Amino acid sequence: MTPTSLAPDQAHARLHELTVIDVRTSGEYASGHIAGAHNIPLDHLDTALPVLKSAAGRGELLVVCASGARSAQACATLAAHGIPAATLTGGTTAWSRHGHDLHRSADARAVWPMDRQVRFVAGSLVLTGLAVGQRWATARWLSVGVAGGLVHSAVSGSCAMARVLARLPLNQPRATDLDATLAVLADSDDLTASGQ
């Protein structure tokens, strides 16, 4: 039976036998990922379900994100489709904190992690609501709305702002990147089926 989560040191010791799926945005992935991880952003997970089901049949899947929240959500989606997977406890943040390396491509563009993007946009909206609210009092409701959204996000474990920001071009994978990732995972199926 597949464990539901692996601590960074446990995952590091078993890395050679795990298929690692990184569900962060392509920009986050490019800025530093576990060597050998395949990038399938969370909002593209449904597209990859058939390939991931086959990959899970070959061996255990380890799902990774920055903190563990998105990977836990991805694992729940996979489980709902009968695909066993474990999440990396604490995500790539904990992985780095435990002294394990993250791979960065030489040509990678620097993109902030999603939680930092959310904090920047939320803070900017709150400040804008307060500043404009000095002249037009109703603009303060923007700040109230953002604060309410942040509280809801903390309580529910989901973040509508992160879902919106994930759709920005800088966070989107090129279609060819996602197709290439799925092809690599599918080719692994072909090699396994042929006994190679």
N, C-alpha and C. Protein backbone atom coordinates (compact mmCIF):
# COMPACT_ATOMS: atom_id res chain seq x y z
N MET A 1 0.84 -1.20 0.00
CA MET A 1 0.00 0.00 0.00
C MET A 1 0.88 1.25 0.00
N THR A 2 0.50 2.25 -0.79
CA THR A 2 1.26 3.47 -0.90
C THR A 2 1.02 4.36 0.32
N PRO A 3 2.10 4.86 0.95
CA PRO A 3 1.88 5.78 2.08
C PRO A 3 1.26 7.07 1.57
N THR A 4 0.55 7.77 2.44
CA THR A 4 -0.10 9.01 2.01
C THR A 4 0.87 10.18 1.97
N SER A 5 1.98 10.08 2.71
CA SER A 5 2.97 11.15 2.68
C SER A 5 4.34 10.58 3.02
N LEU A 6 5.35 11.27 2.51
CA LEU A 6 6.73 10.92 2.81
C LEU A 6 7.45 12.17 3.29
N ALA A 7 8.23 12.05 4.35
CA ALA A 7 9.06 13.15 4.82
C ALA A 7 10.22 13.31 3.84
N PRO A 8 10.82 14.51 3.78
CA PRO A 8 11.91 14.74 2.83
C PRO A 8 13.02 13.70 2.87
N ASP A 9 13.48 13.31 4.05
CA ASP A 9 14.57 12.34 4.13
C ASP A 9 14.12 10.95 3.65
N GLN A 10 12.87 10.58 3.94
CA GLN A 10 12.35 9.31 3.44
C GLN A 10 12.29 9.31 1.91
N ALA A 11 11.78 10.41 1.36
CA ALA A 11 11.66 10.53 -0.10
C ALA A 11 13.04 10.52 -0.74
N HIS A 12 14.00 11.22 -0.14
CA HIS A 12 15.35 11.29 -0.70
C HIS A 12 15.97 9.89 -0.76
N ALA A 13 15.78 9.10 0.28
CA ALA A 13 16.33 7.74 0.32
C ALA A 13 15.69 6.82 -0.73
N ARG A 14 14.47 7.13 -1.11
CA ARG A 14 13.74 6.27 -2.06
C ARG A 14 13.59 6.89 -3.44
N LEU A 15 14.26 8.00 -3.69
CA LEU A 15 14.08 8.76 -4.92
C LEU A 15 14.28 7.89 -6.17
N HIS A 16 15.21 6.97 -6.12
CA HIS A 16 15.51 6.11 -7.27
C HIS A 16 14.35 5.19 -7.66
N GLU A 17 13.42 4.97 -6.75
CA GLU A 17 12.31 4.06 -7.04
C GLU A 17 10.97 4.77 -7.18
N LEU A 18 10.96 6.09 -7.06
CA LEU A 18 9.73 6.87 -7.13
C LEU A 18 9.63 7.62 -8.46
N THR A 19 8.41 7.79 -8.94
CA THR A 19 8.15 8.70 -10.06
C THR A 19 7.64 9.99 -9.42
N VAL A 20 8.42 11.05 -9.55
CA VAL A 20 8.10 12.32 -8.88
C VAL A 20 7.33 13.22 -9.85
N ILE A 21 6.16 13.67 -9.40
CA ILE A 21 5.31 14.56 -10.18
C ILE A 21 5.23 15.89 -9.43
N ASP A 22 5.71 16.96 -10.06
CA ASP A 22 5.70 18.30 -9.46
C ASP A 22 4.50 19.05 -10.01
N VAL A 23 3.56 19.41 -9.13
CA VAL A 23 2.30 20.03 -9.56
C VAL A 23 2.31 21.55 -9.46
N ARG A 24 3.49 22.14 -9.25
CA ARG A 24 3.58 23.60 -9.23
C ARG A 24 3.48 24.15 -10.65
N THR A 25 3.36 25.45 -10.77
CA THR A 25 3.33 26.06 -12.10
C THR A 25 4.68 25.85 -12.78
N SER A 26 4.70 25.98 -14.08
CA SER A 26 5.95 25.75 -14.81
C SER A 26 7.03 26.73 -14.40
N GLY A 27 6.66 27.96 -14.08
CA GLY A 27 7.64 28.94 -13.62
C GLY A 27 8.25 28.56 -12.29
N GLU A 28 7.41 28.09 -11.36
CA GLU A 28 7.92 27.64 -10.07
C GLU A 28 8.83 26.42 -10.25
N TYR A 29 8.41 25.51 -11.09
CA TYR A 29 9.20 24.30 -11.37
C TYR A 29 10.57 24.68 -11.92
N ALA A 30 10.60 25.60 -12.88
CA ALA A 30 11.86 26.01 -13.50
C ALA A 30 12.81 26.67 -12.51
N SER A 31 12.25 27.32 -11.50
CA SER A 31 13.10 28.03 -10.54
C SER A 31 13.75 27.09 -9.53
N GLY A 32 13.38 25.82 -9.52
CA GLY A 32 14.03 24.83 -8.65
C GLY A 32 13.11 23.66 -8.37
N HIS A 33 13.54 22.45 -8.78
CA HIS A 33 12.73 21.25 -8.59
C HIS A 33 13.61 20.06 -8.24
N ILE A 34 13.00 19.02 -7.74
CA ILE A 34 13.71 17.79 -7.43
C ILE A 34 14.20 17.19 -8.74
N ALA A 35 15.45 16.81 -8.79
CA ALA A 35 16.02 16.24 -10.01
C ALA A 35 15.20 15.04 -10.45
N GLY A 36 14.85 15.01 -11.72
CA GLY A 36 14.07 13.91 -12.28
C GLY A 36 12.57 14.08 -12.16
N ALA A 37 12.11 15.15 -11.50
CA ALA A 37 10.68 15.37 -11.34
C ALA A 37 10.05 15.75 -12.68
N HIS A 38 8.82 15.30 -12.88
CA HIS A 38 8.04 15.63 -14.07
C HIS A 38 7.05 16.72 -13.71
N ASN A 39 7.01 17.79 -14.49
CA ASN A 39 6.13 18.92 -14.17
C ASN A 39 4.77 18.76 -14.85
N ILE A 40 3.75 18.57 -14.01
CA ILE A 40 2.36 18.55 -14.47
C ILE A 40 1.61 19.49 -13.54
N PRO A 41 1.45 20.77 -13.93
CA PRO A 41 0.78 21.73 -13.05
C PRO A 41 -0.60 21.25 -12.61
N LEU A 42 -0.96 21.58 -11.40
CA LEU A 42 -2.20 21.11 -10.79
C LEU A 42 -3.41 21.34 -11.69
N ASP A 43 -3.49 22.50 -12.35
CA ASP A 43 -4.66 22.76 -13.18
C ASP A 43 -4.64 21.99 -14.50
N HIS A 44 -3.60 21.20 -14.76
CA HIS A 44 -3.54 20.33 -15.94
C HIS A 44 -3.56 18.85 -15.55
N LEU A 45 -3.83 18.57 -14.29
CA LEU A 45 -3.77 17.20 -13.79
C LEU A 45 -4.77 16.29 -14.49
N ASP A 46 -5.97 16.79 -14.77
CA ASP A 46 -6.99 15.96 -15.41
C ASP A 46 -6.51 15.43 -16.76
N THR A 47 -5.77 16.25 -17.49
CA THR A 47 -5.24 15.85 -18.80
C THR A 47 -4.29 14.66 -18.66
N ALA A 48 -3.56 14.62 -17.56
CA ALA A 48 -2.53 13.61 -17.36
C ALA A 48 -3.02 12.34 -16.66
N LEU A 49 -4.28 12.27 -16.27
CA LEU A 49 -4.77 11.13 -15.49
C LEU A 49 -4.49 9.77 -16.13
N PRO A 50 -4.74 9.57 -17.43
CA PRO A 50 -4.47 8.25 -18.00
C PRO A 50 -2.99 7.85 -17.91
N VAL A 51 -2.10 8.80 -18.19
CA VAL A 51 -0.67 8.52 -18.13
C VAL A 51 -0.23 8.28 -16.69
N LEU A 52 -0.78 9.05 -15.75
CA LEU A 52 -0.42 8.87 -14.35
C LEU A 52 -0.93 7.53 -13.80
N LYS A 53 -2.08 7.10 -14.28
CA LYS A 53 -2.60 5.80 -13.85
C LYS A 53 -1.64 4.69 -14.29
N SER A 54 -1.14 4.79 -15.52
CA SER A 54 -0.17 3.80 -16.01
C SER A 54 1.14 3.88 -15.23
N ALA A 55 1.59 5.10 -14.97
CA ALA A 55 2.85 5.27 -14.21
C ALA A 55 2.71 4.69 -12.81
N ALA A 56 1.55 4.88 -12.19
CA ALA A 56 1.34 4.35 -10.84
C ALA A 56 1.32 2.82 -10.86
N GLY A 57 0.95 2.24 -11.99
CA GLY A 57 0.97 0.79 -12.11
C GLY A 57 2.39 0.23 -12.16
N ARG A 58 3.35 1.04 -12.57
CA ARG A 58 4.76 0.64 -12.64
C ARG A 58 5.47 0.81 -11.33
N GLY A 59 5.05 1.76 -10.51
CA GLY A 59 5.72 2.05 -9.25
C GLY A 59 5.04 3.21 -8.55
N GLU A 60 5.56 3.55 -7.39
CA GLU A 60 4.92 4.58 -6.58
C GLU A 60 5.12 5.99 -7.13
N LEU A 61 4.07 6.80 -7.00
CA LEU A 61 4.12 8.21 -7.38
C LEU A 61 4.33 9.05 -6.13
N LEU A 62 5.19 10.03 -6.25
CA LEU A 62 5.38 11.03 -5.20
C LEU A 62 5.01 12.37 -5.80
N VAL A 63 4.02 13.03 -5.22
CA VAL A 63 3.54 14.31 -5.73
C VAL A 63 4.12 15.42 -4.87
N VAL A 64 4.62 16.45 -5.55
CA VAL A 64 5.38 17.51 -4.89
C VAL A 64 4.84 18.88 -5.29
N CYS A 65 4.85 19.81 -4.34
CA CYS A 65 4.60 21.23 -4.61
C CYS A 65 5.52 22.03 -3.70
N ALA A 66 5.23 23.29 -3.48
CA ALA A 66 6.11 24.13 -2.66
C ALA A 66 5.98 23.83 -1.17
N SER A 67 4.73 23.62 -0.70
CA SER A 67 4.52 23.46 0.73
C SER A 67 3.84 22.16 1.13
N GLY A 68 3.25 21.49 0.19
CA GLY A 68 2.51 20.26 0.47
C GLY A 68 1.01 20.43 0.30
N ALA A 69 0.52 21.66 0.21
CA ALA A 69 -0.93 21.88 0.09
C ALA A 69 -1.46 21.46 -1.28
N ARG A 70 -0.82 21.93 -2.35
CA ARG A 70 -1.29 21.58 -3.69
C ARG A 70 -1.05 20.10 -3.98
N SER A 71 0.05 19.55 -3.48
CA SER A 71 0.30 18.12 -3.73
C SER A 71 -0.72 17.26 -2.99
N ALA A 72 -1.15 17.68 -1.81
CA ALA A 72 -2.20 16.95 -1.09
C ALA A 72 -3.51 17.01 -1.87
N GLN A 73 -3.80 18.16 -2.45
CA GLN A 73 -5.00 18.31 -3.27
C GLN A 73 -4.90 17.41 -4.51
N ALA A 74 -3.71 17.37 -5.12
CA ALA A 74 -3.50 16.51 -6.29
C ALA A 74 -3.66 15.04 -5.91
N CYS A 75 -3.12 14.65 -4.76
CA CYS A 75 -3.24 13.26 -4.31
C CYS A 75 -4.70 12.88 -4.09
N ALA A 76 -5.50 13.81 -3.58
CA ALA A 76 -6.93 13.55 -3.39
C ALA A 76 -7.61 13.35 -4.73
N THR A 77 -7.26 14.15 -5.73
CA THR A 77 -7.81 14.00 -7.07
C THR A 77 -7.41 12.66 -7.66
N LEU A 78 -6.13 12.32 -7.52
CA LEU A 78 -5.65 11.04 -8.04
C LEU A 78 -6.37 9.87 -7.35
N ALA A 79 -6.51 9.95 -6.02
CA ALA A 79 -7.18 8.89 -5.28
C ALA A 79 -8.63 8.72 -5.74
N ALA A 80 -9.29 9.83 -6.05
CA ALA A 80 -10.67 9.77 -6.54
C ALA A 80 -10.77 9.04 -7.87
N HIS A 81 -9.64 8.97 -8.59
CA HIS A 81 -9.59 8.26 -9.87
C HIS A 81 -8.88 6.91 -9.74
N GLY A 82 -8.71 6.45 -8.50
CA GLY A 82 -8.11 5.15 -8.27
C GLY A 82 -6.61 5.09 -8.50
N ILE A 83 -5.95 6.24 -8.39
CA ILE A 83 -4.50 6.31 -8.61
C ILE A 83 -3.82 6.59 -7.28
N PRO A 84 -3.09 5.61 -6.73
CA PRO A 84 -2.41 5.83 -5.45
C PRO A 84 -1.19 6.74 -5.61
N ALA A 85 -1.01 7.64 -4.68
CA ALA A 85 0.13 8.56 -4.71
C ALA A 85 0.37 9.08 -3.30
N ALA A 86 1.62 9.45 -3.04
CA ALA A 86 1.99 10.06 -1.76
C ALA A 86 2.39 11.49 -2.02
N THR A 87 2.28 12.32 -1.00
CA THR A 87 2.71 13.71 -1.10
C THR A 87 4.00 13.90 -0.31
N LEU A 88 4.82 14.83 -0.74
CA LEU A 88 6.05 15.17 -0.02
C LEU A 88 5.69 16.13 1.10
N THR A 89 5.85 15.72 2.33
CA THR A 89 5.52 16.56 3.48
C THR A 89 6.36 17.83 3.47
N GLY A 90 5.69 18.97 3.46
CA GLY A 90 6.40 20.25 3.47
C GLY A 90 6.91 20.70 2.11
N GLY A 91 6.73 19.89 1.08
CA GLY A 91 7.07 20.27 -0.28
C GLY A 91 8.55 20.57 -0.50
N THR A 92 8.82 21.29 -1.57
CA THR A 92 10.21 21.61 -1.92
C THR A 92 10.84 22.54 -0.88
N THR A 93 10.03 23.27 -0.15
CA THR A 93 10.55 24.13 0.92
C THR A 93 11.22 23.26 1.99
N ALA A 94 10.52 22.22 2.44
CA ALA A 94 11.08 21.31 3.44
C ALA A 94 12.24 20.51 2.85
N TRP A 95 12.12 20.12 1.58
CA TRP A 95 13.18 19.38 0.90
C TRP A 95 14.49 20.16 0.98
N SER A 96 14.44 21.44 0.64
CA SER A 96 15.64 22.30 0.70
C SER A 96 16.12 22.49 2.13
N ARG A 97 15.18 22.69 3.04
CA ARG A 97 15.53 22.92 4.44
C ARG A 97 16.26 21.70 5.03
N HIS A 98 15.98 20.51 4.50
CA HIS A 98 16.65 19.30 4.96
C HIS A 98 17.98 19.08 4.25
N GLY A 99 18.40 20.04 3.45
CA GLY A 99 19.71 19.97 2.80
C GLY A 99 19.75 19.24 1.47
N HIS A 100 18.60 18.95 0.90
CA HIS A 100 18.55 18.26 -0.39
C HIS A 100 18.52 19.29 -1.51
N ASP A 101 19.22 18.98 -2.59
CA ASP A 101 19.35 19.93 -3.71
C ASP A 101 18.09 20.02 -4.55
N LEU A 102 17.91 21.22 -5.11
CA LEU A 102 16.89 21.45 -6.13
C LEU A 102 17.62 21.74 -7.43
N HIS A 103 17.14 21.14 -8.51
CA HIS A 103 17.74 21.33 -9.82
C HIS A 103 17.16 22.58 -10.47
N ARG A 104 18.01 23.40 -11.04
CA ARG A 104 17.59 24.61 -11.74
C ARG A 104 18.20 24.59 -13.14
N SER A 105 17.37 24.79 -14.14
CA SER A 105 17.88 24.86 -15.50
C SER A 105 18.67 26.14 -15.68
N ALA A 106 19.70 26.08 -16.49
CA ALA A 106 20.55 27.26 -16.72
C ALA A 106 19.76 28.39 -17.37
N ASP A 107 18.78 28.04 -18.19
CA ASP A 107 18.00 29.07 -18.89
C ASP A 107 16.66 29.36 -18.21
N ALA A 108 16.50 28.91 -16.97
CA ALA A 108 15.23 29.08 -16.26
C ALA A 108 14.96 30.55 -15.95
N ARG A 109 13.74 30.94 -16.15
CA ARG A 109 13.33 32.29 -15.77
C ARG A 109 12.94 32.29 -14.30
N ALA A 110 13.25 33.36 -13.64
CA ALA A 110 12.94 33.45 -12.21
C ALA A 110 11.47 33.81 -12.03
N VAL A 111 10.74 32.94 -11.38
CA VAL A 111 9.33 33.18 -11.08
C VAL A 111 9.13 32.94 -9.60
N TRP A 112 8.44 33.85 -8.95
CA TRP A 112 8.17 33.71 -7.53
C TRP A 112 7.31 32.48 -7.28
N PRO A 113 7.50 31.83 -6.14
CA PRO A 113 6.58 30.75 -5.75
C PRO A 113 5.16 31.30 -5.63
N MET A 114 4.17 30.43 -5.82
CA MET A 114 2.78 30.87 -5.84
C MET A 114 2.37 31.57 -4.55
N ASP A 115 2.82 31.08 -3.38
CA ASP A 115 2.42 31.73 -2.14
C ASP A 115 2.94 33.17 -2.08
N ARG A 116 4.13 33.41 -2.64
CA ARG A 116 4.68 34.77 -2.66
C ARG A 116 3.90 35.65 -3.65
N GLN A 117 3.50 35.08 -4.78
CA GLN A 117 2.67 35.83 -5.73
C GLN A 117 1.35 36.23 -5.10
N VAL A 118 0.74 35.29 -4.36
CA VAL A 118 -0.54 35.58 -3.70
C VAL A 118 -0.36 36.70 -2.67
N ARG A 119 0.70 36.60 -1.84
CA ARG A 119 0.92 37.64 -0.82
C ARG A 119 1.13 39.00 -1.47
N PHE A 120 1.88 39.05 -2.58
CA PHE A 120 2.14 40.32 -3.26
C PHE A 120 0.84 40.93 -3.80
N VAL A 121 0.05 40.12 -4.51
CA VAL A 121 -1.20 40.64 -5.10
C VAL A 121 -2.18 41.02 -4.00
N ALA A 122 -2.35 40.16 -2.99
CA ALA A 122 -3.29 40.46 -1.91
C ALA A 122 -2.88 41.73 -1.17
N GLY A 123 -1.61 41.84 -0.85
CA GLY A 123 -1.13 43.04 -0.17
C GLY A 123 -1.33 44.29 -1.00
N SER A 124 -1.04 44.18 -2.32
CA SER A 124 -1.23 45.33 -3.22
C SER A 124 -2.69 45.75 -3.28
N LEU A 125 -3.60 44.78 -3.33
CA LEU A 125 -5.03 45.10 -3.37
C LEU A 125 -5.50 45.74 -2.07
N VAL A 126 -5.01 45.23 -0.95
CA VAL A 126 -5.39 45.82 0.34
C VAL A 126 -4.90 47.27 0.42
N LEU A 127 -3.64 47.50 0.07
CA LEU A 127 -3.09 48.87 0.09
C LEU A 127 -3.83 49.79 -0.86
N THR A 128 -4.18 49.27 -2.05
CA THR A 128 -4.93 50.08 -3.01
C THR A 128 -6.29 50.44 -2.45
N GLY A 129 -6.98 49.46 -1.85
CA GLY A 129 -8.29 49.73 -1.26
C GLY A 129 -8.22 50.77 -0.16
N LEU A 130 -7.18 50.69 0.67
CA LEU A 130 -7.03 51.66 1.76
C LEU A 130 -6.66 53.05 1.23
N ALA A 131 -5.75 53.09 0.24
CA ALA A 131 -5.32 54.39 -0.30
C ALA A 131 -6.45 55.09 -1.03
N VAL A 132 -7.13 54.36 -1.91
CA VAL A 132 -8.24 54.95 -2.65
C VAL A 132 -9.40 55.23 -1.71
N GLY A 133 -9.52 54.42 -0.65
CA GLY A 133 -10.57 54.61 0.35
C GLY A 133 -10.46 55.94 1.09
N GLN A 134 -9.27 56.57 1.06
CA GLN A 134 -9.13 57.89 1.66
C GLN A 134 -9.99 58.91 0.95
N ARG A 135 -10.18 58.71 -0.35
CA ARG A 135 -10.97 59.65 -1.16
C ARG A 135 -12.40 59.15 -1.35
N TRP A 136 -12.54 57.84 -1.62
CA TRP A 136 -13.85 57.23 -1.83
C TRP A 136 -13.99 56.09 -0.83
N ALA A 137 -14.77 56.28 0.17
CA ALA A 137 -14.89 55.32 1.28
C ALA A 137 -15.30 53.92 0.83
N THR A 138 -16.08 53.84 -0.22
CA THR A 138 -16.53 52.51 -0.66
C THR A 138 -15.37 51.66 -1.20
N ALA A 139 -14.27 52.27 -1.57
CA ALA A 139 -13.12 51.51 -2.07
C ALA A 139 -12.50 50.65 -0.97
N ARG A 140 -12.78 50.97 0.28
CA ARG A 140 -12.27 50.17 1.39
C ARG A 140 -12.82 48.75 1.36
N TRP A 141 -13.95 48.57 0.71
CA TRP A 141 -14.53 47.23 0.62
C TRP A 141 -13.62 46.28 -0.16
N LEU A 142 -12.77 46.81 -1.03
CA LEU A 142 -11.79 45.98 -1.72
C LEU A 142 -10.88 45.32 -0.69
N SER A 143 -10.41 46.11 0.27
CA SER A 143 -9.55 45.57 1.33
C SER A 143 -10.29 44.55 2.17
N VAL A 144 -11.53 44.82 2.49
CA VAL A 144 -12.34 43.89 3.27
C VAL A 144 -12.53 42.58 2.51
N GLY A 145 -12.82 42.68 1.22
CA GLY A 145 -13.01 41.49 0.39
C GLY A 145 -11.76 40.62 0.33
N VAL A 146 -10.59 41.27 0.15
CA VAL A 146 -9.34 40.51 0.07
C VAL A 146 -9.06 39.84 1.43
N ALA A 147 -9.27 40.58 2.50
CA ALA A 147 -9.04 40.01 3.84
C ALA A 147 -9.95 38.81 4.07
N GLY A 148 -11.21 38.94 3.69
CA GLY A 148 -12.15 37.82 3.83
C GLY A 148 -11.72 36.62 2.99
N GLY A 149 -11.23 36.88 1.79
CA GLY A 149 -10.73 35.81 0.93
C GLY A 149 -9.54 35.09 1.54
N LEU A 150 -8.65 35.85 2.18
CA LEU A 150 -7.48 35.24 2.83
C LEU A 150 -7.88 34.38 4.02
N VAL A 151 -8.86 34.85 4.78
CA VAL A 151 -9.35 34.05 5.91
C VAL A 151 -9.99 32.77 5.39
N HIS A 152 -10.82 32.88 4.36
CA HIS A 152 -11.46 31.70 3.78
C HIS A 152 -10.41 30.72 3.26
N SER A 153 -9.37 31.24 2.62
CA SER A 153 -8.29 30.41 2.10
C SER A 153 -7.61 29.63 3.21
N ALA A 154 -7.35 30.30 4.32
CA ALA A 154 -6.69 29.64 5.45
C ALA A 154 -7.57 28.55 6.06
N VAL A 155 -8.85 28.82 6.17
CA VAL A 155 -9.78 27.87 6.79
C VAL A 155 -10.06 26.68 5.87
N SER A 156 -10.22 26.96 4.57
CA SER A 156 -10.62 25.91 3.63
C SER A 156 -9.44 25.15 3.03
N GLY A 157 -8.25 25.75 3.08
CA GLY A 157 -7.09 25.10 2.47
C GLY A 157 -7.04 25.26 0.96
N SER A 158 -7.90 26.09 0.41
CA SER A 158 -7.89 26.36 -1.03
C SER A 158 -7.71 27.85 -1.22
N CYS A 159 -7.26 28.25 -2.40
CA CYS A 159 -7.01 29.67 -2.63
C CYS A 159 -7.46 30.05 -4.03
N ALA A 160 -8.56 30.81 -4.09
CA ALA A 160 -9.08 31.26 -5.38
C ALA A 160 -8.09 32.17 -6.09
N MET A 161 -7.38 33.01 -5.34
CA MET A 161 -6.41 33.92 -5.95
C MET A 161 -5.27 33.13 -6.59
N ALA A 162 -4.83 32.07 -5.95
CA ALA A 162 -3.77 31.23 -6.52
C ALA A 162 -4.24 30.57 -7.81
N ARG A 163 -5.51 30.15 -7.83
CA ARG A 163 -6.04 29.54 -9.06
C ARG A 163 -6.06 30.55 -10.19
N VAL A 164 -6.40 31.79 -9.89
CA VAL A 164 -6.41 32.84 -10.92
C VAL A 164 -4.98 33.15 -11.37
N LEU A 165 -4.06 33.32 -10.42
CA LEU A 165 -2.67 33.63 -10.76
C LEU A 165 -2.01 32.50 -11.53
N ALA A 166 -2.40 31.27 -11.27
CA ALA A 166 -1.82 30.13 -11.99
C ALA A 166 -2.14 30.19 -13.48
N ARG A 167 -3.16 30.94 -13.85
CA ARG A 167 -3.55 31.05 -15.25
C ARG A 167 -2.79 32.15 -16.00
N LEU A 168 -2.00 32.94 -15.28
CA LEU A 168 -1.20 33.98 -15.95
C LEU A 168 -0.17 33.32 -16.86
N PRO A 169 0.16 33.97 -17.98
CA PRO A 169 1.12 33.38 -18.92
C PRO A 169 2.45 32.96 -18.29
N LEU A 170 2.96 33.74 -17.35
CA LEU A 170 4.25 33.39 -16.75
C LEU A 170 4.18 32.11 -15.93
N ASN A 171 2.99 31.70 -15.53
CA ASN A 171 2.82 30.48 -14.74
C ASN A 171 2.35 29.29 -15.57
N GLN A 172 2.07 29.51 -16.85
CA GLN A 172 1.55 28.45 -17.70
C GLN A 172 2.67 27.69 -18.40
N PRO A 173 2.53 26.37 -18.47
CA PRO A 173 3.51 25.61 -19.26
C PRO A 173 3.20 25.81 -20.74
N ARG A 174 4.25 25.77 -21.55
CA ARG A 174 3.99 25.75 -22.98
C ARG A 174 3.38 24.39 -23.27
N ALA A 175 2.46 24.35 -24.22
CA ALA A 175 1.80 23.08 -24.54
C ALA A 175 2.83 22.02 -24.89
N THR A 176 3.90 22.43 -25.55
CA THR A 176 4.92 21.45 -25.93
C THR A 176 5.61 20.87 -24.70
N ASP A 177 5.78 21.68 -23.64
CA ASP A 177 6.40 21.17 -22.41
C ASP A 177 5.53 20.11 -21.75
N LEU A 178 4.24 20.37 -21.64
CA LEU A 178 3.33 19.41 -21.03
C LEU A 178 3.24 18.15 -21.89
N ASP A 179 3.14 18.34 -23.20
CA ASP A 179 3.10 17.18 -24.10
C ASP A 179 4.36 16.35 -23.98
N ALA A 180 5.51 17.00 -23.88
CA ALA A 180 6.79 16.28 -23.75
C ALA A 180 6.84 15.50 -22.44
N THR A 181 6.36 16.11 -21.37
CA THR A 181 6.34 15.42 -20.08
C THR A 181 5.46 14.18 -20.14
N LEU A 182 4.27 14.33 -20.72
CA LEU A 182 3.36 13.19 -20.83
C LEU A 182 3.95 12.11 -21.74
N ALA A 183 4.66 12.52 -22.80
CA ALA A 183 5.29 11.56 -23.70
C ALA A 183 6.38 10.76 -22.99
N VAL A 184 7.18 11.45 -22.16
CA VAL A 184 8.23 10.75 -21.40
C VAL A 184 7.62 9.72 -20.47
N LEU A 185 6.56 10.11 -19.76
CA LEU A 185 5.89 9.17 -18.85
C LEU A 185 5.26 8.02 -19.63
N ALA A 186 4.68 8.30 -20.80
CA ALA A 186 4.08 7.25 -21.62
C ALA A 186 5.15 6.34 -22.21
N ASP A 187 6.30 6.91 -22.63
CA ASP A 187 7.40 6.10 -23.16
C ASP A 187 7.90 5.14 -22.10
N SER A 188 7.90 5.57 -20.85
CA SER A 188 8.31 4.68 -19.77
C SER A 188 7.37 3.49 -19.70
N ASP A 189 6.10 3.71 -19.99
CA ASP A 189 5.13 2.61 -20.04
C ASP A 189 5.50 1.64 -21.16
N ASP A 190 5.85 2.19 -22.32
CA ASP A 190 6.20 1.34 -23.47
C ASP A 190 7.43 0.50 -23.16
N LEU A 191 8.44 1.12 -22.52
CA LEU A 191 9.65 0.38 -22.18
C LEU A 191 9.37 -0.74 -21.19
N THR A 192 8.52 -0.44 -20.22
CA THR A 192 8.17 -1.45 -19.22
C THR A 192 7.40 -2.60 -19.87
N ALA A 193 6.47 -2.25 -20.76
CA ALA A 193 5.65 -3.27 -21.41
C ALA A 193 6.49 -4.17 -22.31
N SER A 194 7.55 -3.62 -22.91
CA SER A 194 8.39 -4.42 -23.80
C SER A 194 9.48 -5.17 -23.04
N GLY A 195 9.55 -4.98 -21.70
CA GLY A 195 10.51 -5.70 -20.89
C GLY A 195 11.89 -5.10 -20.89
N GLN A 196 12.05 -3.88 -21.34
CA GLN A 196 13.36 -3.23 -21.37
C GLN A 196 13.67 -2.52 -20.09
